[in-house]
Amino acid sequence: MGTRRNMDVRLGAIWALLGTLFAIMACARANQLTDADEMRLAPDIYNEGPLTVDLFSVSSDALSGYKHRRSSKEAYAALKLAEDPPRPLLIAAPKTAGSYPVILVQHGYTMKNTFYSQMLKHIASHGFIVVAPQMYIFAGADATGEIISAGSVLDWFSVGLQDAISQRVPSVKADLKRAAVVGHSRGGKVVFGIATGVCNTSLKISALVGIDPVDGTGVGHQTKPPILQYSPHSLDLKIPTLIIGAGLGSVGRFLFPACAPKGVNHEAFFSDSASPAFHFVAPDYGHMDYLDDVCPGAQGWIAACLCKNGQAREPMRRFSAGIVVAFLQAALLQDSSQLATAILEPSLAPVKLETPGVFGTLADVTSYSRDSVTM
């Protein structure tokens, strides 16, 4: 009797030990799943991607007085092209063999294309060829000529871009069937001008991004050509649209007016944008917080001093480049997973965000990308 009781006690202890072990294993498994979920939910879009990027410039005679400022961060190509581009270009392309969508990036008013090199490399490292033209040395208020010139750069893509890329990274191909336009500040106005038909271009655009776009100095003071219609969803571009805004852009600094005034800034552009359209706003950052950490020269001083900006550019630049990547993956590659996460979990971004604005659905975005491929 005693022997049997002892055996029962031992068996009970063994079962208890096994139960404890199973509980520990289950807990560990639960923790693993939680870590995996967190990895899935924490988008890597906000960091540079897995691809190494070649950053190089292509010269043009169009701006005879313009000279690039050489730096240790850039490689300058001595390319012999069959046809030179209509404007000097800064190109960021993956070094890994493959075919990649092509993105045109328009700089802001009085800015240099080289001021966007960190953002260009970030976007390119996720599998895109990014081309940033230098539009002018100085410019007036009327952006019509700039829009037409940007259209000529897009037209040059079909005759010269692959030649330029092949001389630097021969195994990389430009997929012109998947093309998008991105513009910052006045450059945002420029890409909207392209999409609304201010100029004619032979290249089909499949997506548009406005990074803190500006259409003038205030309501009733739009610069030519006026883009905003001040009618909800009136800008029916037939392509997906992403608008990024900086909350401090509408705030003046010292005696200087706001760099992105209310009524002509990101809020008005999103209001006018037709479906599908998305709107992300970082309230604690400013109009120039998308640029490189260091921007030399007079234009760099303007970027640092004339606009109300946040405490550091790096978080806003990482967020903006990342959300552009997520949007382009959805619009050009039919993969909306990262964009969906960014919308549903804005707290994962490296900056504080307002609730994202959405007009339309993610299905609308991917349907546009399917249509662009089949045409």
Protein backbone atom coordinates (compact mmCIF):
# COMPACT_ATOMS: atom_id res chain seq x y z
CA MET A 1 0.00 0.00 0.00
CA GLY A 2 2.80 2.36 0.97
CA THR A 3 4.77 1.41 -2.13
CA ARG A 4 1.81 2.21 -4.36
CA ARG A 5 1.29 5.53 -2.60
CA ASN A 6 4.95 6.42 -3.17
CA MET A 7 4.64 5.54 -6.86
CA ASP A 8 1.56 7.75 -7.16
CA VAL A 9 3.45 10.60 -5.55
CA ARG A 10 6.38 10.11 -7.92
CA LEU A 11 4.09 9.94 -10.95
CA GLY A 12 2.32 13.06 -9.78
CA ALA A 13 5.65 14.84 -9.44
CA ILE A 14 6.68 13.69 -12.91
CA TRP A 15 3.41 14.91 -14.43
CA ALA A 16 3.75 18.18 -12.59
CA LEU A 17 7.29 18.57 -13.91
CA LEU A 18 6.15 17.75 -17.44
CA GLY A 19 3.30 20.19 -17.09
CA THR A 20 5.73 22.87 -15.99
CA LEU A 21 8.02 22.10 -18.92
CA PHE A 22 5.11 22.25 -21.36
CA ALA A 23 4.00 25.55 -19.83
CA ILE A 24 7.53 26.96 -20.20
CA MET A 25 7.69 25.74 -23.80
CA ALA A 26 4.27 27.21 -24.54
CA CYS A 27 5.26 30.50 -22.97
CA ALA A 28 8.49 30.56 -24.98
CA ARG A 29 6.53 29.75 -28.12
CA ALA A 30 4.09 32.55 -27.34
CA ASN A 31 7.01 34.96 -26.89
CA GLN A 32 8.47 33.83 -30.21
CA LEU A 33 5.18 34.48 -31.94
CA THR A 34 4.97 37.86 -30.30
CA ASP A 35 8.48 38.73 -31.50
CA ALA A 36 7.62 37.55 -35.00
CA ASP A 37 4.44 39.61 -35.00
CA GLU A 38 6.38 42.63 -33.86
CA MET A 39 8.91 42.09 -36.64
CA ARG A 40 6.05 41.82 -39.10
CA LEU A 41 4.36 44.95 -37.76
CA ALA A 42 7.53 47.03 -37.46
CA PRO A 43 8.12 48.02 -41.08
CA ASP A 44 11.69 47.95 -42.32
CA ILE A 45 10.62 50.67 -44.76
CA TYR A 46 11.73 53.30 -42.26
CA ASN A 47 15.32 52.09 -42.57
CA GLU A 48 17.44 51.72 -45.66
CA GLY A 49 16.67 48.50 -47.53
CA PRO A 50 18.85 45.49 -48.30
CA LEU A 51 20.17 46.73 -51.66
CA THR A 52 23.46 48.58 -52.04
CA VAL A 53 22.98 51.79 -54.04
CA ASP A 54 25.12 53.58 -56.60
CA LEU A 55 24.64 57.36 -56.49
CA PHE A 56 25.92 59.25 -59.52
CA SER A 57 25.26 62.37 -61.55
CA VAL A 58 24.75 62.84 -65.28
CA SER A 59 25.69 66.22 -66.70
CA SER A 60 23.77 68.35 -69.16
CA ASP A 61 24.53 71.48 -71.16
CA ALA A 62 21.03 72.81 -70.42
CA LEU A 63 22.22 74.77 -67.37
CA SER A 64 25.53 76.15 -68.57
CA GLY A 65 26.12 78.05 -65.34
CA TYR A 66 25.29 75.13 -63.08
CA LYS A 67 28.08 73.09 -61.53
CA HIS A 68 27.64 70.23 -59.12
CA ARG A 69 29.31 70.56 -55.74
CA ARG A 70 31.54 67.54 -55.41
CA SER A 71 31.59 65.68 -52.13
CA SER A 72 32.93 62.42 -50.80
CA LYS A 73 29.38 61.05 -50.62
CA GLU A 74 28.76 61.20 -54.37
CA ALA A 75 30.23 59.56 -57.44
CA TYR A 76 30.31 61.67 -60.60
CA ALA A 77 29.94 59.79 -63.85
CA ALA A 78 31.91 60.59 -66.98
CA LEU A 79 29.31 59.08 -69.28
CA LYS A 80 29.22 59.20 -73.05
CA LEU A 81 25.53 59.14 -73.86
CA ALA A 82 23.85 58.99 -77.25
CA GLU A 83 21.55 61.75 -76.02
CA ASP A 84 22.24 63.98 -73.03
CA PRO A 85 19.39 64.62 -70.58
CA PRO A 86 17.57 67.95 -70.80
CA ARG A 87 18.62 68.72 -67.23
CA PRO A 88 21.53 67.60 -65.01
CA LEU A 89 20.53 64.47 -63.10
CA LEU A 90 21.35 62.79 -59.81
CA ILE A 91 20.53 59.08 -60.06
CA ALA A 92 20.32 56.50 -57.28
CA ALA A 93 20.16 52.92 -58.57
CA PRO A 94 20.51 49.52 -56.91
CA LYS A 95 23.72 47.67 -57.72
CA THR A 96 22.01 44.28 -57.58
CA ALA A 97 21.03 42.84 -60.96
CA GLY A 98 17.35 43.22 -61.76
CA SER A 99 14.61 45.33 -63.30
CA TYR A 100 13.35 48.18 -61.13
CA PRO A 101 10.55 50.79 -61.32
CA VAL A 102 11.64 54.33 -62.11
CA ILE A 103 10.85 57.33 -59.90
CA LEU A 104 11.27 61.01 -60.86
CA VAL A 105 11.93 63.29 -57.86
CA GLN A 106 11.46 67.07 -58.26
CA HIS A 107 13.33 69.33 -55.83
CA GLY A 108 11.79 72.24 -53.96
CA TYR A 109 12.00 75.92 -54.79
CA THR A 110 15.63 77.17 -54.98
CA MET A 111 16.89 73.81 -53.69
CA LYS A 112 19.57 71.56 -55.18
CA ASN A 113 18.88 67.98 -56.18
CA THR A 114 21.94 66.92 -54.17
CA PHE A 115 20.16 68.03 -50.98
CA TYR A 116 17.93 64.95 -51.35
CA SER A 117 20.72 62.37 -51.71
CA GLN A 118 19.97 60.59 -48.41
CA MET A 119 16.29 60.23 -49.27
CA LEU A 120 17.08 59.10 -52.82
CA LYS A 121 19.41 56.38 -51.55
CA HIS A 122 16.87 55.24 -48.95
CA ILE A 123 14.15 54.80 -51.58
CA ALA A 124 16.51 53.16 -54.10
CA SER A 125 17.75 50.65 -51.50
CA HIS A 126 14.25 49.15 -51.46
CA GLY A 127 14.31 48.37 -55.17
CA PHE A 128 13.70 51.55 -57.19
CA ILE A 129 15.68 53.63 -59.66
CA VAL A 130 15.37 57.23 -58.48
CA VAL A 131 16.16 60.17 -60.77
CA ALA A 132 16.36 63.76 -59.49
CA PRO A 133 16.88 66.51 -62.09
CA GLN A 134 18.32 69.93 -61.29
CA MET A 135 15.67 72.17 -62.81
CA TYR A 136 17.23 75.63 -62.63
CA ILE A 137 19.80 77.88 -61.00
CA PHE A 138 17.29 80.63 -60.27
CA ALA A 139 13.56 80.71 -61.00
CA GLY A 140 10.62 83.09 -60.88
CA ALA A 141 7.19 82.44 -59.46
CA ASP A 142 5.66 80.95 -62.64
CA ALA A 143 6.23 77.17 -62.62
CA THR A 144 4.90 76.49 -66.13
CA GLY A 145 8.35 76.25 -67.70
CA GLU A 146 9.54 73.97 -64.90
CA ILE A 147 6.63 71.61 -65.47
CA ILE A 148 7.37 71.47 -69.20
CA SER A 149 11.06 70.83 -68.49
CA ALA A 150 10.18 68.03 -66.07
CA GLY A 151 8.04 66.49 -68.80
CA SER A 152 11.02 66.58 -71.15
CA VAL A 153 13.08 64.68 -68.57
CA LEU A 154 10.39 62.01 -68.46
CA ASP A 155 10.45 61.79 -72.26
CA TRP A 156 14.25 61.40 -72.16
CA PHE A 157 13.89 58.33 -69.96
CA SER A 158 12.88 56.20 -72.96
CA VAL A 159 15.92 57.26 -75.04
CA GLY A 160 18.70 57.88 -72.53
CA LEU A 161 18.06 56.56 -69.04
CA GLN A 162 18.95 52.93 -69.72
CA ASP A 163 22.13 54.04 -71.47
CA ALA A 164 23.17 56.09 -68.44
CA ILE A 165 22.40 53.29 -65.98
CA SER A 166 24.09 50.59 -68.05
CA GLN A 167 27.38 52.48 -68.03
CA ARG A 168 27.35 52.46 -64.22
CA VAL A 169 25.50 49.26 -63.27
CA PRO A 170 25.22 47.13 -66.45
CA SER A 171 23.03 44.44 -64.86
CA VAL A 172 20.30 46.88 -63.79
CA LYS A 173 17.31 47.58 -66.03
CA ALA A 174 14.87 50.49 -65.85
CA ASP A 175 11.26 49.29 -65.90
CA LEU A 176 9.53 52.22 -67.56
CA LYS A 177 6.17 50.44 -67.41
CA ARG A 178 6.24 51.15 -63.68
CA ALA A 179 6.95 54.86 -63.26
CA ALA A 180 6.00 57.41 -60.62
CA VAL A 181 6.62 61.08 -59.89
CA VAL A 182 7.54 62.60 -56.52
CA GLY A 183 7.88 66.30 -55.73
CA HIS A 184 8.78 68.36 -52.67
CA SER A 185 7.40 71.85 -52.03
CA ARG A 186 7.10 73.60 -55.41
CA GLY A 187 8.28 70.30 -56.90
CA GLY A 188 4.99 68.86 -55.60
CA LYS A 189 3.15 71.46 -57.65
CA VAL A 190 5.30 70.46 -60.64
CA VAL A 191 4.40 66.77 -60.49
CA PHE A 192 0.71 67.63 -60.09
CA GLY A 193 1.12 69.86 -63.14
CA ILE A 194 2.51 66.90 -65.09
CA ALA A 195 -0.37 64.69 -63.98
CA THR A 196 -3.04 67.28 -64.78
CA GLY A 197 -1.77 67.75 -68.33
CA VAL A 198 0.03 71.10 -68.15
CA CYS A 199 2.65 69.38 -70.30
CA ASN A 200 2.50 66.35 -72.58
CA THR A 201 4.76 63.39 -71.92
CA SER A 202 5.01 60.05 -73.64
CA LEU A 203 5.75 58.19 -70.39
CA LYS A 204 2.75 56.77 -68.54
CA ILE A 205 2.76 57.79 -64.87
CA SER A 206 1.26 55.24 -62.49
CA ALA A 207 1.54 57.02 -59.10
CA LEU A 208 2.15 60.49 -57.63
CA VAL A 209 3.62 61.68 -54.34
CA GLY A 210 3.48 65.25 -53.05
CA ILE A 211 5.93 65.89 -50.21
CA ASP A 212 4.64 69.00 -48.46
CA PRO A 213 3.43 70.40 -51.81
CA VAL A 214 2.86 74.16 -52.17
CA ASP A 215 0.74 75.96 -54.79
CA GLY A 216 1.54 79.58 -53.96
CA THR A 217 1.70 82.02 -51.07
CA GLY A 218 -1.90 81.72 -49.86
CA VAL A 219 -5.54 81.40 -50.89
CA GLY A 220 -6.11 83.73 -53.81
CA HIS A 221 -2.38 83.91 -54.43
CA GLN A 222 -1.62 80.70 -56.31
CA THR A 223 1.37 80.85 -58.60
CA LYS A 224 0.99 79.97 -62.28
CA PRO A 225 -0.28 77.57 -63.34
CA PRO A 226 -2.80 77.15 -60.49
CA ILE A 227 -3.24 73.50 -59.55
CA LEU A 228 -5.70 73.50 -56.64
CA GLN A 229 -9.37 73.72 -57.57
CA TYR A 230 -10.72 74.05 -54.00
CA SER A 231 -13.35 71.45 -54.76
CA PRO A 232 -13.20 68.15 -52.85
CA HIS A 233 -11.66 65.33 -54.90
CA SER A 234 -11.68 67.42 -58.07
CA LEU A 235 -8.13 66.43 -59.08
CA ASP A 236 -9.10 63.12 -60.64
CA LEU A 237 -5.68 62.08 -61.89
CA LYS A 238 -6.67 58.45 -62.51
CA ILE A 239 -3.64 57.35 -60.47
CA PRO A 240 -3.01 56.73 -56.75
CA THR A 241 -1.85 59.78 -54.79
CA LEU A 242 0.14 60.14 -51.58
CA ILE A 243 0.41 63.46 -49.75
CA ILE A 244 2.93 63.97 -46.95
CA GLY A 245 2.63 67.03 -44.73
CA ALA A 246 4.71 68.78 -42.06
CA GLY A 247 2.73 70.50 -39.31
CA LEU A 248 5.27 73.29 -38.85
CA GLY A 249 5.27 74.11 -42.55
CA SER A 250 2.35 76.50 -42.05
CA VAL A 251 4.14 78.35 -39.23
CA GLY A 252 6.27 81.40 -40.00
CA ARG A 253 9.73 81.92 -38.56
CA PHE A 254 10.82 85.28 -37.15
CA LEU A 255 9.74 87.85 -39.76
CA PHE A 256 9.59 85.30 -42.57
CA PRO A 257 6.23 83.97 -43.81
CA ALA A 258 5.33 80.29 -43.64
CA CYS A 259 7.07 78.13 -46.24
CA ALA A 260 3.93 76.04 -46.78
CA PRO A 261 1.01 78.40 -46.03
CA LYS A 262 -2.43 77.14 -45.13
CA GLY A 263 -4.82 77.02 -48.07
CA VAL A 264 -2.11 76.09 -50.58
CA ASN A 265 -0.32 73.31 -48.73
CA HIS A 266 -0.68 69.57 -48.13
CA GLU A 267 -4.14 69.87 -46.56
CA ALA A 268 -5.61 71.53 -49.67
CA PHE A 269 -3.88 69.08 -52.01
CA PHE A 270 -5.29 66.08 -50.15
CA SER A 271 -8.74 67.64 -50.05
CA ASP A 272 -8.67 68.07 -53.83
CA SER A 273 -7.20 64.61 -54.52
CA ALA A 274 -9.51 61.94 -55.91
CA SER A 275 -9.53 58.30 -54.83
CA PRO A 276 -7.30 56.53 -54.05
CA ALA A 277 -5.46 59.11 -51.97
CA PHE A 278 -3.54 58.95 -48.69
CA HIS A 279 -2.41 61.68 -46.30
CA PHE A 280 0.26 61.46 -43.58
CA VAL A 281 1.10 64.45 -41.39
CA ALA A 282 3.91 64.83 -38.84
CA PRO A 283 2.88 67.79 -36.66
CA ASP A 284 6.27 68.39 -35.03
CA TYR A 285 8.35 68.73 -38.20
CA GLY A 286 8.90 71.40 -40.79
CA HIS A 287 8.97 72.06 -44.50
CA MET A 288 12.68 71.34 -44.98
CA ASP A 289 13.02 68.35 -42.68
CA TYR A 290 13.09 66.00 -45.68
CA LEU A 291 16.54 67.15 -46.78
CA ASP A 292 20.03 65.83 -46.05
CA ASP A 293 21.46 66.52 -42.61
CA VAL A 294 24.05 68.83 -44.17
CA CYS A 295 23.15 71.09 -47.11
CA PRO A 296 26.02 73.43 -48.02
CA GLY A 297 25.94 76.86 -49.64
CA ALA A 298 23.39 79.65 -49.77
CA GLN A 299 20.53 77.30 -50.61
CA GLY A 300 21.42 75.19 -47.59
CA TRP A 301 21.29 78.30 -45.40
CA ILE A 302 17.85 79.12 -46.79
CA ALA A 303 16.62 75.61 -46.01
CA ALA A 304 17.93 75.81 -42.45
CA CYS A 305 16.97 79.36 -41.54
CA LEU A 306 13.94 80.61 -43.44
CA CYS A 307 11.50 77.79 -42.64
CA LYS A 308 10.22 76.65 -39.26
CA ASN A 309 11.65 73.15 -38.80
CA GLY A 310 11.78 70.38 -36.22
CA GLN A 311 14.69 69.57 -33.95
CA ALA A 312 16.32 67.09 -36.38
CA ARG A 313 15.80 66.09 -39.99
CA GLU A 314 16.73 62.42 -39.73
CA PRO A 315 13.46 61.07 -38.22
CA MET A 316 11.23 62.94 -40.69
CA ARG A 317 13.41 62.02 -43.65
CA ARG A 318 13.35 58.34 -42.65
CA PHE A 319 9.59 58.41 -42.22
CA SER A 320 8.97 60.19 -45.50
CA ALA A 321 11.27 57.94 -47.52
CA GLY A 322 9.71 54.91 -45.84
CA ILE A 323 6.11 55.86 -46.50
CA VAL A 324 7.03 56.67 -50.12
CA VAL A 325 8.49 53.15 -50.40
CA ALA A 326 5.34 51.58 -48.91
CA PHE A 327 3.09 53.59 -51.23
CA LEU A 328 5.15 52.76 -54.33
CA GLN A 329 5.20 49.07 -53.41
CA ALA A 330 1.41 49.17 -53.42
CA ALA A 331 0.98 51.40 -56.47
CA LEU A 332 3.66 49.85 -58.69
CA LEU A 333 4.27 46.34 -57.34
CA GLN A 334 0.79 45.32 -56.09
CA ASP A 335 2.07 44.79 -52.55
CA SER A 336 0.02 46.87 -50.11
CA SER A 337 1.12 45.12 -46.91
CA GLN A 338 3.54 47.80 -45.74
CA LEU A 339 1.16 50.64 -46.60
CA ALA A 340 -1.64 48.88 -44.71
CA THR A 341 0.60 48.53 -41.65
CA ALA A 342 1.60 52.20 -41.86
CA ILE A 343 -2.07 53.22 -41.92
CA LEU A 344 -3.20 50.87 -39.16
CA GLU A 345 -0.15 51.31 -36.90
CA PRO A 346 1.04 54.93 -37.27
CA SER A 347 2.81 54.66 -33.89
CA LEU A 348 5.45 52.46 -35.56
CA ALA A 349 6.75 55.44 -37.54
CA PRO A 350 9.92 57.20 -36.32
CA VAL A 351 7.90 60.42 -35.89
CA LYS A 352 4.61 61.23 -34.19
CA LEU A 353 1.80 61.22 -36.76
CA GLU A 354 -1.72 62.50 -36.91
CA THR A 355 -4.36 59.91 -37.82
CA PRO A 356 -3.64 59.04 -41.47
CA GLY A 357 -6.16 60.31 -44.01
CA VAL A 358 -7.51 57.76 -46.48
CA PHE A 359 -9.83 58.38 -49.41
CA GLY A 360 -10.54 55.13 -51.23
CA THR A 361 -9.16 51.67 -50.47
CA LEU A 362 -5.91 49.76 -50.78
CA ALA A 363 -7.63 47.55 -53.35
CA ASP A 364 -8.05 50.65 -55.51
CA VAL A 365 -4.27 51.20 -55.40
CA THR A 366 -3.30 47.68 -56.42
CA SER A 367 -5.92 47.62 -59.17
CA TYR A 368 -4.25 50.66 -60.71
CA SER A 369 -0.90 48.87 -60.60
CA ARG A 370 -2.35 45.84 -62.39
CA ASP A 371 -3.83 48.07 -65.06
CA SER A 372 -0.51 49.88 -65.60
CA VAL A 373 1.30 46.58 -66.16
CA THR A 374 -1.21 45.15 -68.61
CA MET A 375 -1.47 48.24 -70.78
